[in-house]
C-alpha atoms as a PDB file:
ATOM      1  CA  MET A   1      -5.391  20.246  -4.402  1.00  0.00           C
ATOM      2  CA  ILE A   2      -8.394  18.419  -2.992  1.00  0.00           C
ATOM      3  CA  HIS A   3      -7.664  15.784  -0.364  1.00  0.00           C
ATOM      4  CA  THR A   4     -10.451  13.204  -0.550  1.00  0.00           C
ATOM      5  CA  THR A   5     -11.043  10.617   2.136  1.00  0.00           C
ATOM      6  CA  PHE A   6     -12.939   7.396   1.697  1.00  0.00           C
ATOM      7  CA  ARG A   7     -14.911   5.162   4.018  1.00  0.00           C
ATOM      8  CA  VAL A   8     -12.868   2.023   4.681  1.00  0.00           C
ATOM      9  CA  THR A   9     -13.209  -1.005   6.934  1.00  0.00           C
ATOM     10  CA  VAL A  10     -10.303  -1.808   9.254  1.00  0.00           C
ATOM     11  CA  ARG A  11      -9.833  -5.162  11.002  1.00  0.00           C
ATOM     12  CA  LEU A  12      -7.917  -4.720  14.239  1.00  0.00           C
ATOM     13  CA  PRO A  13      -5.775  -7.340  15.983  1.00  0.00           C
ATOM     14  CA  GLU A  14      -6.325  -7.848  19.698  1.00  0.00           C
ATOM     15  CA  PRO A  15      -3.483  -5.527  20.861  1.00  0.00           C
ATOM     16  CA  LEU A  16      -5.055  -2.553  19.049  1.00  0.00           C
ATOM     17  CA  ARG A  17      -8.688  -2.957  20.034  1.00  0.00           C
ATOM     18  CA  GLU A  18      -8.566  -1.012  23.312  1.00  0.00           C
ATOM     19  CA  GLY A  19     -12.309  -1.214  23.814  1.00  0.00           C
ATOM     20  CA  ARG A  20     -13.069  -1.069  20.091  1.00  0.00           C
ATOM     21  CA  GLY A  21     -14.548  -3.925  18.132  1.00  0.00           C
ATOM     22  CA  THR A  22     -12.700  -6.329  15.871  1.00  0.00           C
ATOM     23  CA  VAL A  23     -13.844  -4.329  12.841  1.00  0.00           C
ATOM     24  CA  ILE A  24     -14.132  -0.556  12.685  1.00  0.00           C
ATOM     25  CA  THR A  25     -14.877   1.878   9.894  1.00  0.00           C
ATOM     26  CA  MET A  26     -13.105   5.158   9.356  1.00  0.00           C
ATOM     27  CA  ASN A  27     -12.454   7.812   6.764  1.00  0.00           C
ATOM     28  CA  ALA A  28      -8.970   7.582   5.257  1.00  0.00           C
ATOM     29  CA  ALA A  29      -7.266   8.423   1.967  1.00  0.00           C
ATOM     30  CA  SER A  30      -4.202   6.242   2.611  1.00  0.00           C
ATOM     31  CA  LEU A  31      -2.711   3.716   4.975  1.00  0.00           C
ATOM     32  CA  GLY A  32      -0.754   6.648   6.378  1.00  0.00           C
ATOM     33  CA  ASP A  33      -4.056   8.159   7.556  1.00  0.00           C
ATOM     34  CA  ILE A  34      -4.965   4.924   9.355  1.00  0.00           C
ATOM     35  CA  ILE A  35      -1.494   4.684  10.921  1.00  0.00           C
ATOM     36  CA  ALA A  36      -1.845   8.256  12.206  1.00  0.00           C
ATOM     37  CA  LYS A  37      -5.427   7.860  13.471  1.00  0.00           C
ATOM     38  CA  LEU A  38      -4.527   4.700  15.386  1.00  0.00           C
ATOM     39  CA  ASP A  39      -1.248   6.250  16.620  1.00  0.00           C
ATOM     40  CA  LEU A  40       0.882   3.434  15.169  1.00  0.00           C
ATOM     41  CA  ALA A  41       3.706   5.480  13.664  1.00  0.00           C
ATOM     42  CA  ASP A  42       6.236   4.511  16.326  1.00  0.00           C
ATOM     43  CA  ASP A  43       5.280   0.809  16.409  1.00  0.00           C
ATOM     44  CA  ARG A  44       4.590   0.078  12.759  1.00  0.00           C
ATOM     45  CA  ASP A  45       7.943  -1.209  11.525  1.00  0.00           C
ATOM     46  CA  GLU A  46       8.391  -3.730  14.265  1.00  0.00           C
ATOM     47  CA  LEU A  47       4.926  -4.807  15.318  1.00  0.00           C
ATOM     48  CA  PHE A  48       2.367  -4.552  12.512  1.00  0.00           C
ATOM     49  CA  ASN A  49       1.877  -5.383   8.847  1.00  0.00           C
ATOM     50  CA  PHE A  50      -0.977  -4.266   6.615  1.00  0.00           C
ATOM     51  CA  ALA A  51      -3.098  -5.939   3.958  1.00  0.00           C
ATOM     52  CA  VAL A  52      -5.463  -4.060   1.638  1.00  0.00           C
ATOM     53  CA  ASN A  53      -8.248  -6.164   0.139  1.00  0.00           C
ATOM     54  CA  GLY A  54      -6.249  -9.290   0.965  1.00  0.00           C
ATOM     55  CA  ASP A  55      -2.967  -8.098  -0.584  1.00  0.00           C
ATOM     56  CA  LEU A  56      -0.077  -7.774   1.866  1.00  0.00           C
ATOM     57  CA  VAL A  57       1.704  -4.424   1.681  1.00  0.00           C
ATOM     58  CA  LEU A  58       5.427  -4.965   2.079  1.00  0.00           C
ATOM     59  CA  HIS A  59       6.931  -1.502   1.504  1.00  0.00           C
ATOM     60  CA  GLY A  60       5.840   2.124   1.505  1.00  0.00           C
ATOM     61  CA  GLU A  61       2.606   1.487   3.357  1.00  0.00           C
ATOM     62  CA  LYS A  62       2.092   5.111   4.368  1.00  0.00           C
ATOM     63  CA  ASN A  63       1.777   6.046   0.691  1.00  0.00           C
ATOM     64  CA  VAL A  64      -0.712   3.326  -0.292  1.00  0.00           C
ATOM     65  CA  ALA A  65      -3.851   5.092  -1.516  1.00  0.00           C
ATOM     66  CA  LEU A  66      -7.235   3.759  -0.481  1.00  0.00           C
ATOM     67  CA  LYS A  67     -10.593   3.937  -2.190  1.00  0.00           C
ATOM     68  CA  ASP A  68     -14.147   3.822  -0.927  1.00  0.00           C
ATOM     69  CA  GLY A  69     -15.060   0.372   0.375  1.00  0.00           C
ATOM     70  CA  ASP A  70     -11.501  -0.934   0.783  1.00  0.00           C
ATOM     71  CA  GLU A  71     -10.857  -3.448   3.546  1.00  0.00           C
ATOM     72  CA  VAL A  72      -7.660  -3.045   5.542  1.00  0.00           C
ATOM     73  CA  GLU A  73      -6.387  -5.696   7.902  1.00  0.00           C
ATOM     74  CA  ILE A  74      -3.721  -4.906  10.445  1.00  0.00           C
ATOM     75  CA  VAL A  75      -1.737  -8.004  11.262  1.00  0.00           C
ATOM     76  CA  VAL A  76       0.625  -8.549  14.184  1.00  0.00           C
ATOM     77  CA  ALA A  77       4.073  -9.297  12.775  1.00  0.00           C
ATOM     78  CA  PHE A  78       5.669 -12.535  13.898  1.00  0.00           C
ATOM     79  CA  ALA A  79       9.360 -13.288  13.888  1.00  0.00           C
ATOM     80  CA  GLY A  80      10.528 -16.820  13.304  1.00  0.00           C
ATOM     81  CA  GLY A  81      13.765 -18.412  14.181  1.00  0.00           C
END
């Protein structure tokens, strides 16, 4: 099985920038790759949501496949009351 990665653009919210720019590029085959590379696995469920090409991903984000040129936005989750 060949595991292919693609060049994607990732928009980072302020809490994740840590000296990086607002927009970074990286190689990733899935949102799971991005979550791992940014070390978000422990925080994901409570703090961040993901959108791929403007479409919000509500469930199973680690399994969402990416393709070359995709744009991923990581959004800080807000709770209302």
